Protein backbone atom coordinates (compact mmCIF):
# COMPACT_ATOMS: atom_id res chain seq x y z
CA UNK A 1 121.74 98.03 119.79
CA UNK A 2 123.77 96.96 116.52
CA UNK A 3 125.28 94.09 118.30
CA UNK A 4 121.96 92.82 119.65
CA UNK A 5 120.36 93.20 116.40
CA UNK A 6 123.10 91.24 114.79
CA UNK A 7 123.06 88.30 116.98
CA UNK A 8 119.12 88.25 116.53
CA UNK A 9 119.29 87.94 113.02
CA UNK A 10 119.80 84.32 112.18
CA UNK A 11 117.26 82.83 114.24
CA UNK A 12 114.64 85.65 114.30
CA UNK A 13 114.40 86.21 110.58
CA UNK A 14 113.21 82.53 110.21
CA UNK A 15 110.88 82.88 113.70
CA UNK A 16 109.52 86.27 113.42
CA UNK A 17 109.77 87.35 109.84
CA UNK A 18 107.74 84.38 109.22
CA UNK A 19 104.73 85.07 111.39
CA UNK A 20 102.95 87.91 109.36
CA UNK A 21 102.55 87.36 105.85
CA UNK A 22 99.05 86.34 104.59
CA UNK A 23 96.09 88.67 104.51
CA UNK A 24 95.11 92.34 105.20
CA UNK A 25 93.45 90.88 108.33
CA UNK A 26 97.10 90.00 109.17
CA UNK A 27 96.48 91.15 113.05
CA UNK A 28 93.77 88.65 114.07
CA UNK A 29 96.15 86.71 116.47
CA UNK A 30 95.11 83.30 116.51
CA UNK A 31 91.31 83.46 117.07
CA UNK A 32 89.16 81.56 114.69
CA UNK A 33 92.29 81.46 112.03
CA UNK A 34 91.42 78.28 110.22
CA UNK A 35 88.10 77.17 108.62
CA UNK A 36 88.13 73.74 110.79
CA UNK A 37 88.24 76.06 114.07
CA UNK A 38 85.81 78.69 112.63
CA UNK A 39 83.40 75.77 112.85
CA UNK A 40 84.68 73.94 115.89
CA UNK A 41 85.01 77.12 118.44
CA UNK A 42 85.37 75.05 121.46
CA UNK A 43 88.73 73.38 119.92
CA UNK A 44 89.92 76.65 118.88
CA UNK A 45 93.52 77.67 120.22
CA UNK A 46 93.76 81.32 120.69
CA UNK A 47 97.08 81.83 122.26
CA UNK A 48 99.85 79.65 123.46
CA UNK A 49 102.35 80.61 126.12
CA UNK A 50 105.35 79.32 127.60
CA UNK A 51 107.76 81.44 129.80
CA UNK A 52 110.32 80.98 132.70
CA UNK A 53 108.29 82.16 135.90
CA UNK A 54 109.18 85.62 137.03
CA UNK A 55 107.70 84.32 140.45
CA UNK A 56 109.69 80.84 140.66
CA UNK A 57 112.74 81.14 138.21
CA UNK A 58 113.34 77.45 138.55
CA UNK A 59 110.01 76.70 136.92
CA UNK A 60 108.06 76.96 133.46
CA UNK A 61 104.72 78.46 132.94
CA UNK A 62 102.69 76.87 130.13
CA UNK A 63 99.45 78.51 129.12
CA UNK A 64 96.80 77.08 126.79
CA UNK A 65 93.94 79.24 125.82
CA UNK A 66 91.16 78.08 124.00
CA UNK A 67 87.40 78.89 122.76
CA UNK A 68 87.90 82.80 121.96
CA UNK A 69 85.43 85.79 121.96
CA UNK A 70 83.41 84.72 125.09
CA UNK A 71 80.89 87.42 126.09
CA UNK A 72 80.85 87.51 129.73
CA UNK A 73 77.07 87.87 130.23
CA UNK A 74 76.07 84.86 127.75
CA UNK A 75 74.15 82.78 130.13
CA UNK A 76 72.48 80.23 130.83
CA UNK A 77 75.11 77.67 130.14
CA UNK A 78 77.92 80.09 129.80
CA UNK A 79 81.56 78.47 128.92
CA UNK A 80 82.17 75.08 129.91
CA UNK A 81 85.35 73.13 128.53
CA UNK A 82 84.27 70.22 125.92
CA UNK A 83 84.50 67.01 127.47
CA UNK A 84 85.01 65.38 124.09
CA UNK A 85 88.18 67.19 123.49
CA UNK A 86 91.65 66.30 124.52
CA UNK A 87 93.83 69.31 125.54
CA UNK A 88 97.36 68.72 125.30
CA UNK A 89 100.71 70.80 126.03
CA UNK A 90 103.71 69.31 124.35
CA UNK A 91 107.48 69.79 124.98
CA UNK A 92 110.10 68.66 122.70
CA UNK A 93 113.49 68.41 124.77
CA UNK A 94 116.31 66.76 122.34
CA UNK A 95 115.81 69.22 119.28
CA UNK A 96 114.21 66.90 117.11
CA UNK A 97 110.71 68.32 116.91
CA UNK A 98 108.85 65.39 118.45
CA UNK A 99 107.35 65.73 121.88
CA UNK A 100 109.15 64.07 124.83
CA UNK A 101 107.03 65.23 127.68
CA UNK A 102 103.08 65.86 127.15
CA UNK A 103 100.52 67.14 129.61
CA UNK A 104 97.09 65.91 128.87
CA UNK A 105 93.61 67.80 130.37
CA UNK A 106 90.29 65.86 130.11
CA UNK A 107 87.07 67.46 131.51
CA UNK A 108 83.93 65.91 132.95
CA UNK A 109 80.73 67.65 133.58
CA UNK A 110 78.10 67.19 136.15
CA UNK A 111 74.55 68.95 136.39
CA UNK A 112 73.80 68.86 140.12
CA UNK A 113 70.20 70.35 139.91
CA UNK A 114 68.92 69.37 136.44
CA UNK A 115 65.50 71.25 137.02
CA UNK A 116 67.19 74.46 137.46
CA UNK A 117 67.26 76.67 134.31
CA UNK A 118 70.89 78.16 134.55
CA UNK A 119 74.47 76.85 135.21
CA UNK A 120 75.05 79.09 138.43
CA UNK A 121 72.65 80.46 140.96
CA UNK A 122 73.12 82.06 144.45
CA UNK A 123 71.37 84.50 146.76
CA UNK A 124 67.90 83.40 145.68
CA UNK A 125 65.24 80.62 147.10
CA UNK A 126 67.57 79.89 150.03
CA UNK A 127 70.60 79.04 147.73
CA UNK A 128 73.37 80.79 149.36
CA UNK A 129 75.96 82.74 147.20
CA UNK A 130 78.61 80.64 145.55
CA UNK A 131 82.01 80.89 147.32
CA UNK A 132 83.46 77.89 146.91
CA UNK A 133 84.10 75.08 144.37
CA UNK A 134 82.97 72.28 146.65
CA UNK A 135 81.10 71.74 150.01
CA UNK A 136 79.51 74.42 151.89
CA UNK A 137 79.03 77.58 149.61
CA UNK A 138 78.84 75.57 146.50
CA UNK A 139 75.31 74.82 146.35
CA UNK A 140 74.64 77.34 143.72
CA UNK A 141 77.10 75.22 141.12
CA UNK A 142 74.48 73.48 139.18
CA UNK A 143 77.22 72.99 136.12
CA UNK A 144 80.10 71.51 137.71
CA UNK A 145 83.30 70.55 135.77
CA UNK A 146 86.05 68.54 137.20
CA UNK A 147 89.44 67.43 135.34
CA UNK A 148 92.15 65.18 135.21
CA UNK A 149 95.96 65.90 134.29
CA UNK A 150 98.08 63.45 132.84
CA UNK A 151 101.97 63.53 132.41
CA UNK A 152 102.91 61.27 129.10
CA UNK A 153 106.75 60.45 128.67
CA UNK A 154 108.00 57.51 126.66
CA UNK A 155 106.37 54.54 128.09
CA UNK A 156 104.92 56.20 131.18
CA UNK A 157 101.62 57.58 131.61
CA UNK A 158 101.13 59.39 135.32
CA UNK A 159 98.05 60.76 136.94
CA UNK A 160 99.28 64.08 138.31
CA UNK A 161 96.08 64.66 140.76
CA UNK A 162 97.45 62.54 143.67
CA UNK A 163 93.93 61.78 144.70
CA UNK A 164 92.76 65.39 144.57
CA UNK A 165 89.37 66.27 142.71
CA UNK A 166 90.54 69.04 140.57
CA UNK A 167 87.51 71.75 139.65
CA UNK A 168 87.44 74.03 136.73
CA UNK A 169 86.80 77.62 137.94
CA UNK A 170 83.28 78.94 135.94
CA UNK A 171 83.20 82.19 134.62
CA UNK A 172 81.85 85.39 136.71
CA UNK A 173 78.63 85.62 136.65
CA UNK A 174 77.99 88.75 138.62
CA UNK A 175 78.18 90.23 142.59
CA UNK A 176 74.82 88.50 143.73
CA UNK A 177 75.91 84.84 142.45
CA UNK A 178 79.56 85.11 143.41
CA UNK A 179 80.18 87.94 145.73
CA UNK A 180 83.87 87.45 146.02
CA UNK A 181 84.96 85.99 142.79
CA UNK A 182 88.69 86.69 143.17
CA UNK A 183 88.76 84.60 146.41
CA UNK A 184 86.57 81.80 144.31
CA UNK A 185 89.21 81.59 141.77
CA UNK A 186 91.72 81.04 144.12
CA UNK A 187 89.98 77.69 145.14
CA UNK A 188 90.90 76.50 141.70
CA UNK A 189 94.66 76.40 142.02
CA UNK A 190 95.95 73.33 142.85
CA UNK A 191 99.23 71.64 143.70
CA UNK A 192 99.95 68.17 141.94
CA UNK A 193 102.54 65.71 142.12
CA UNK A 194 106.29 66.90 142.04
CA UNK A 195 105.13 70.50 142.93
CA UNK A 196 103.31 71.26 139.61
CA UNK A 197 100.41 73.73 140.03
CA UNK A 198 97.62 73.84 137.85
CA UNK A 199 94.51 76.24 137.31
CA UNK A 200 91.85 75.83 134.65
CA UNK A 201 88.89 77.86 134.08
CA UNK A 202 87.35 81.25 132.29
CA UNK A 203 89.56 84.14 132.51
CA UNK A 204 89.97 87.58 130.95
CA UNK A 205 91.25 87.14 127.40
CA UNK A 206 94.84 88.79 127.85
CA UNK A 207 95.25 89.51 124.00
CA UNK A 208 95.22 92.79 122.65
CA UNK A 209 95.13 94.40 119.03
CA UNK A 210 93.15 96.79 117.17
CA UNK A 211 91.12 94.21 115.29
CA UNK A 212 88.82 96.46 113.68
CA UNK A 213 91.21 98.74 111.80
CA UNK A 214 93.30 95.85 110.57
CA UNK A 215 90.39 94.10 108.90
CA UNK A 216 89.26 97.66 107.38
CA UNK A 217 92.55 97.31 105.09
CA UNK A 218 95.12 98.10 107.58
CA UNK A 219 93.19 101.19 108.23
CA UNK A 220 94.81 102.01 111.54
CA UNK A 221 93.84 105.11 113.72
CA UNK A 222 95.61 108.50 112.96
CA UNK A 223 96.78 108.59 116.57
CA UNK A 224 98.99 105.67 115.91
CA UNK A 225 100.46 107.49 112.62
CA UNK A 226 98.43 105.24 110.30
CA UNK A 227 100.30 102.15 111.33
CA UNK A 228 103.91 103.85 111.86
CA UNK A 229 104.08 104.56 115.79
CA UNK A 230 105.67 107.74 116.80
CA UNK A 231 108.69 107.59 119.12
CA UNK A 232 106.50 108.31 122.16
CA UNK A 233 103.80 105.73 121.48
CA UNK A 234 106.33 103.33 120.36
CA UNK A 235 108.23 104.07 123.71
CA UNK A 236 104.95 103.64 125.97
CA UNK A 237 104.37 99.98 127.10
CA UNK A 238 101.66 100.86 129.64
CA UNK A 239 98.80 102.60 127.73
CA UNK A 240 96.91 102.09 124.51
CA UNK A 241 96.39 104.65 121.75
CA UNK A 242 93.62 102.76 119.70
CA UNK A 243 90.79 100.62 121.00
CA UNK A 244 91.71 96.83 121.88
CA UNK A 245 89.10 94.48 120.36
CA UNK A 246 89.55 91.88 122.79
CA UNK A 247 88.62 94.03 125.79
CA UNK A 248 85.84 92.74 127.83
CA UNK A 249 85.72 89.24 126.17
CA UNK A 250 86.72 86.24 128.25
CA UNK A 251 88.49 82.87 127.05
CA UNK A 252 89.16 79.50 128.69
CA UNK A 253 92.52 78.47 129.97
CA UNK A 254 94.60 75.61 131.12
CA UNK A 255 97.71 76.74 133.11
CA UNK A 256 100.65 74.49 134.42
CA UNK A 257 103.78 75.66 136.67
CA UNK A 258 106.17 72.87 136.10
CA UNK A 259 109.85 72.66 137.21
CA UNK A 260 112.44 73.03 134.64
CA UNK A 261 114.16 69.70 135.22
CA UNK A 262 110.73 67.88 134.51
CA UNK A 263 111.11 69.18 130.95
CA UNK A 264 114.65 69.16 129.91
CA UNK A 265 116.43 66.39 128.73
CA UNK A 266 118.27 64.37 131.41
CA UNK A 267 116.03 65.95 134.04
CA UNK A 268 118.72 68.84 134.64
CA UNK A 269 118.78 72.67 134.71
CA UNK A 270 121.13 73.80 132.26
CA UNK A 271 123.06 76.93 131.52
CA UNK A 272 121.73 79.31 128.67
CA UNK A 273 124.75 78.43 126.55
CA UNK A 274 123.68 74.84 126.57
CA UNK A 275 121.53 73.46 123.67
CA UNK A 276 119.86 71.40 126.17
CA UNK A 277 118.33 74.18 127.89
CA UNK A 278 116.21 74.81 124.75
CA UNK A 279 112.69 73.10 124.80
CA UNK A 280 110.25 73.37 121.78
CA UNK A 281 106.81 73.75 122.77
CA UNK A 282 103.08 73.76 121.33
CA UNK A 283 99.47 73.12 122.13
CA UNK A 284 97.07 70.80 120.61
CA UNK A 285 93.25 70.03 120.71
CA UNK A 286 91.90 66.90 119.45
CA UNK A 287 88.60 64.90 119.07
CA UNK A 288 87.97 61.21 119.17
CA UNK A 289 87.10 59.73 115.91
CA UNK A 290 85.43 56.00 115.72
CA UNK A 291 87.16 53.63 113.32
CA UNK A 292 85.42 50.62 111.91
CA UNK A 293 87.93 47.82 111.63
CA UNK A 294 88.18 44.92 109.32
CA UNK A 295 86.39 42.41 111.79
CA UNK A 296 83.68 44.94 112.54
CA UNK A 297 84.88 46.03 116.00
CA UNK A 298 85.13 49.54 116.82
CA UNK A 299 88.31 51.12 117.97
CA UNK A 300 88.77 54.78 119.01
CA UNK A 301 91.61 57.14 118.76
CA UNK A 302 92.11 60.87 118.52
CA UNK A 303 92.04 63.27 115.26
CA UNK A 304 93.90 66.57 116.05
CA UNK A 305 91.66 69.62 115.16
CA UNK A 306 94.37 72.40 116.00
CA UNK A 307 97.52 73.37 117.16
CA UNK A 308 99.48 76.53 117.85
CA UNK A 309 103.41 77.15 118.55
CA UNK A 310 104.43 80.48 117.31
CA UNK A 311 101.47 82.85 117.61
CA UNK A 312 100.20 84.06 114.04
CA UNK A 313 101.68 81.70 111.85
CA UNK A 314 98.43 79.79 110.74
CA UNK A 315 96.65 82.68 110.81
CA UNK A 316 98.93 84.80 108.43
CA UNK A 317 101.37 82.61 106.79
CA UNK A 318 99.37 79.48 105.63
CA UNK A 319 97.08 79.99 102.64
CA UNK A 320 93.36 79.11 103.45
CA UNK A 321 93.41 75.91 101.24
CA UNK A 322 96.23 74.67 103.41
CA UNK A 323 95.29 75.86 106.80
CA UNK A 324 93.11 72.78 107.83
CA UNK A 325 96.01 70.75 106.79
CA UNK A 326 98.31 72.54 108.79
CA UNK A 327 96.00 72.54 111.96
CA UNK A 328 95.61 68.58 111.85
CA UNK A 329 99.62 68.07 111.05
CA UNK A 330 102.67 67.87 113.25
CA UNK A 331 105.30 70.28 113.55
CA UNK A 332 108.24 68.21 111.86
CA UNK A 333 106.18 68.19 108.65
CA UNK A 334 106.14 71.81 108.01
CA UNK A 335 108.54 71.87 105.34
CA UNK A 336 105.53 71.02 102.98
CA UNK A 337 104.25 74.52 103.87
CA UNK A 338 107.58 76.52 103.25
CA UNK A 339 106.52 77.85 100.14
CA UNK A 340 104.32 80.40 101.61
CA UNK A 341 107.23 82.52 102.94
CA UNK A 342 109.25 83.47 99.71
CA UNK A 343 106.72 86.25 98.80
CA UNK A 344 104.57 87.41 101.62
CA UNK A 345 101.45 89.35 100.76
CA UNK A 346 101.75 91.46 104.00
CA UNK A 347 105.33 92.70 102.62
CA UNK A 348 103.64 93.51 99.31
CA UNK A 349 101.00 95.60 101.22
CA UNK A 350 103.62 97.25 103.40
CA UNK A 351 105.80 98.32 100.28
CA UNK A 352 102.44 99.75 98.54
CA UNK A 353 101.75 102.25 101.42
CA UNK A 354 105.27 103.55 101.25
CA UNK A 355 106.87 100.93 103.86
CA UNK A 356 110.30 99.77 102.56
CA UNK A 357 110.61 96.05 102.70
CA UNK A 358 113.34 93.44 101.41
CA UNK A 359 112.69 92.41 97.94
CA UNK A 360 111.40 89.20 97.00
CA UNK A 361 112.23 86.09 97.07
CA UNK A 362 112.15 86.43 100.63
CA UNK A 363 114.55 83.65 101.18
CA UNK A 364 115.29 85.15 104.55
CA UNK A 365 112.18 83.89 105.84
CA UNK A 366 113.32 79.95 105.36
CA UNK A 367 113.58 77.90 107.18
CA UNK A 368 110.21 78.28 109.04
CA UNK A 369 111.48 77.79 112.42
CA UNK A 370 114.58 75.88 113.57
CA UNK A 371 116.74 75.36 116.72
CA UNK A 372 119.56 78.32 116.31
CA UNK A 373 120.79 81.22 117.90
CA UNK A 374 120.21 83.33 119.49
CA UNK A 375 117.22 81.33 121.31
CA UNK A 376 119.67 78.35 121.09
CA UNK A 377 123.18 79.97 121.37
CA UNK A 378 124.83 76.64 122.05
CA UNK A 379 123.30 74.81 118.90
CA UNK A 380 125.45 74.27 116.00
CA UNK A 381 125.09 73.27 112.29
CA UNK A 382 123.84 69.70 113.04
CA UNK A 383 121.53 70.67 115.89
CA UNK A 384 118.67 72.82 113.87
CA UNK A 385 116.50 69.93 113.51
CA UNK A 386 113.65 69.84 111.05
CA UNK A 387 111.70 72.79 110.00
CA UNK A 388 109.07 72.82 112.61
CA UNK A 389 106.76 75.51 114.16
CA UNK A 390 107.72 75.12 117.93
CA UNK A 391 107.67 77.79 120.15
CA UNK A 392 111.23 77.58 121.59
CA UNK A 393 112.08 78.56 125.24
CA UNK A 394 115.56 78.74 126.49
CA UNK A 395 115.05 77.63 130.08
CA UNK A 396 118.63 78.88 131.09
CA UNK A 397 117.86 82.56 130.32
CA UNK A 398 116.72 84.25 133.72
CA UNK A 399 113.25 85.74 133.69
CA UNK A 400 112.67 89.52 133.46
CA UNK A 401 110.84 90.91 136.71
CA UNK A 402 107.18 91.57 136.30
CA UNK A 403 106.88 95.13 136.01
CA UNK A 404 110.22 95.63 133.94
CA UNK A 405 109.10 93.20 130.98
CA UNK A 406 109.42 94.98 127.58
CA UNK A 407 106.25 94.58 125.27
CA UNK A 408 108.81 94.33 122.15
CA UNK A 409 110.55 91.19 123.92
CA UNK A 410 114.04 90.45 122.08
CA UNK A 411 113.80 93.63 119.91
CA UNK A 412 113.94 95.65 123.18
CA UNK A 413 116.65 93.85 124.79
CA UNK A 414 114.43 91.67 126.84
CA UNK A 415 115.86 88.49 126.22
CA UNK A 416 113.18 86.45 128.53
CA UNK A 417 110.61 88.04 125.84
CA UNK A 418 109.00 86.66 122.54
CA UNK A 419 110.42 84.78 120.55
CA UNK A 420 112.32 83.31 123.50
CA UNK A 421 108.95 81.57 124.63
CA UNK A 422 105.93 84.02 124.96
CA UNK A 423 104.53 86.15 127.86
CA UNK A 424 101.30 87.42 128.14
CA UNK A 425 102.89 90.98 127.86
CA UNK A 426 104.64 90.43 124.55
CA UNK A 427 103.29 92.48 121.81
CA UNK A 428 103.40 89.88 119.37
CA UNK A 429 101.55 92.18 116.72
CA UNK A 430 104.35 94.84 116.67
CA UNK A 431 107.11 92.63 116.71
CA UNK A 432 106.06 90.40 113.86
CA UNK A 433 104.80 93.28 111.67
CA UNK A 434 108.36 94.60 112.19
CA UNK A 435 109.90 91.42 111.06
CA UNK A 436 108.30 91.16 108.07
CA UNK A 437 109.07 94.59 107.28
CA UNK A 438 112.65 93.58 107.28
CA UNK A 439 113.84 94.79 110.59
CA UNK A 440 116.03 92.14 111.37
CA UNK A 441 117.61 92.12 107.76
CA UNK A 442 118.67 95.50 108.15
CA UNK A 443 117.44 97.48 111.02
CA UNK A 444 118.56 100.85 109.47
CA UNK A 445 117.05 100.40 106.07
CA UNK A 446 113.88 98.35 107.02
CA UNK A 447 113.45 99.65 110.75
CA UNK A 448 109.87 101.22 110.51
CA UNK A 449 108.34 101.11 113.71
CA UNK A 450 105.10 99.48 112.46
CA UNK A 451 102.34 98.94 114.92
CA UNK A 452 98.52 99.00 116.10
CA UNK A 453 98.77 101.69 118.93
CA UNK A 454 97.65 98.87 121.27
CA UNK A 455 100.64 98.23 123.38
CA UNK A 456 98.97 96.25 126.44
CA UNK A 457 96.37 93.99 127.58
CA UNK A 458 93.29 95.48 128.79
CA UNK A 459 92.92 92.88 131.84
CA UNK A 460 95.08 93.03 134.49
CA UNK A 461 97.80 90.82 134.32
CA UNK A 462 99.76 89.75 137.46
CA UNK A 463 103.46 88.53 138.14
CA UNK A 464 102.21 85.61 140.15
CA UNK A 465 100.42 82.50 139.40
CA UNK A 466 97.95 82.09 137.65
CA UNK A 467 99.13 85.16 135.90
CA UNK A 468 95.87 85.88 133.85
CA UNK A 469 93.32 88.23 135.14
CA UNK A 470 89.96 86.88 136.62
CA UNK A 471 86.99 86.60 134.15
CA UNK A 472 84.99 89.75 133.42
CA UNK A 473 82.08 90.12 135.12
CA UNK A 474 78.89 89.05 133.38
CA UNK A 475 76.41 91.76 135.02
CA UNK A 476 78.52 94.67 135.50
CA UNK A 477 81.18 94.52 132.40
CA UNK A 478 80.83 95.92 128.93
CA UNK A 479 82.91 96.01 125.98
CA UNK A 480 85.11 98.97 125.71
CA UNK A 481 85.33 101.10 122.62
CA UNK A 482 87.42 104.06 121.62
CA UNK A 483 86.81 105.60 125.00
CA UNK A 484 87.69 102.41 126.86
CA UNK A 485 90.36 102.48 129.80
CA UNK A 486 93.98 102.70 128.69
CA UNK A 487 93.66 105.27 126.12
CA UNK A 488 95.27 108.07 127.52
CA UNK A 489 96.88 110.19 125.00
CA UNK A 490 94.00 112.30 124.75
CA UNK A 491 92.39 114.46 127.92
CA UNK A 492 89.80 112.08 129.77
CA UNK A 493 91.41 109.19 128.26
CA UNK A 494 89.62 109.18 124.91
CA UNK A 495 90.98 107.46 121.87
CA UNK A 496 90.08 109.24 118.62
CA UNK A 497 88.51 107.12 116.13
CA UNK A 498 89.59 108.51 112.80
């Protein structure tokens, strides 16, 4: 354990200790974290994941989740993707922070029955239940969304659809309208050029956090030790000891499975010790804007609304007055935000409630993020690159089998977990809280097991593509409170609320 934490210290101090810092609402994930996305929910990136697939270890999974807190029953329009948004997944493969490979998603919407009052109907008026995304069984799809996936590399744009029509999978309206939703959503898995697989649609939000307790001035449940976990709770990766605020909510997602050799420099698979095995990733959303040129003609380009690399950085590090600038800027320019890390407010809060933390100034939080060990063990002093918020992934580190993955990732010795990329099972809340508490600076002195008691997602994650759980049922699901499934520390599965 001592050796592992010593190896972790150089990079994780910069990557992790930086991710929790700014407000008492510090555990709100990346849902509605900046003023611009609080007003533009459709462009809000809730989570960005990048990990080597446990199903196919020669491939990387990229997941971009957008549009938070979708109430499953909220018809009649439900949750279409916005055709006015350009959704992008970006990959840097030469350590300079600038994207070398980009995947773009654009959506189109069609209403097949303009006189029908709802987006989806089945089992009424002679309309059969919805059992397919096209052809027979799709007559009840009034709101139909199709999309294109384009891969952009220097000087080349490639349409990956190979002549297919790609359909976004709608939300789960209910059993009369969609009697076999699990089968319906499998129709939305497509194979594209070069063996790439894709899925786009509505899914159950995989994130997990006791958000209400966090916003109530860190008033965590007594069952979780008031924010300091007992050894038994901390060791339990499969149960929750406090309510998950995201339980019962849906989110929109775009998921790609891409061969590693299409992402790395030179198109090769590298050993973990090779610096070229490491890629830097992030997702963006952009809206088209109209520029009036000098000659009076109009020209269009894209204005970035949101970006997300490592979880929680804009949420917790960046001050409110700079959040929109951070959202709209590019990772290589992140040095301008470095001052936010020298004396993080959350560390002061921890100290005020008796949790020991390293003294300010917290120079261990700088640089923000760079290419360095242990994620990039092959990187030397000249390879660090610019300060840039990128979720870095060493594609040469073998994935941990699903079911054996540890929620604390690198802190628990699971080297295929956050911050080596990020998987849906990774408990980035607890990992980041412990980092700002100082565990990576001195694990004995600052090793308080801080956590919210929510240790696992409320949705049923899987180890196979597309990995995220089907959307919650609009008719038959409800938001779970303190007695939600997964709270098994008390008889009857009840989570205490005080």
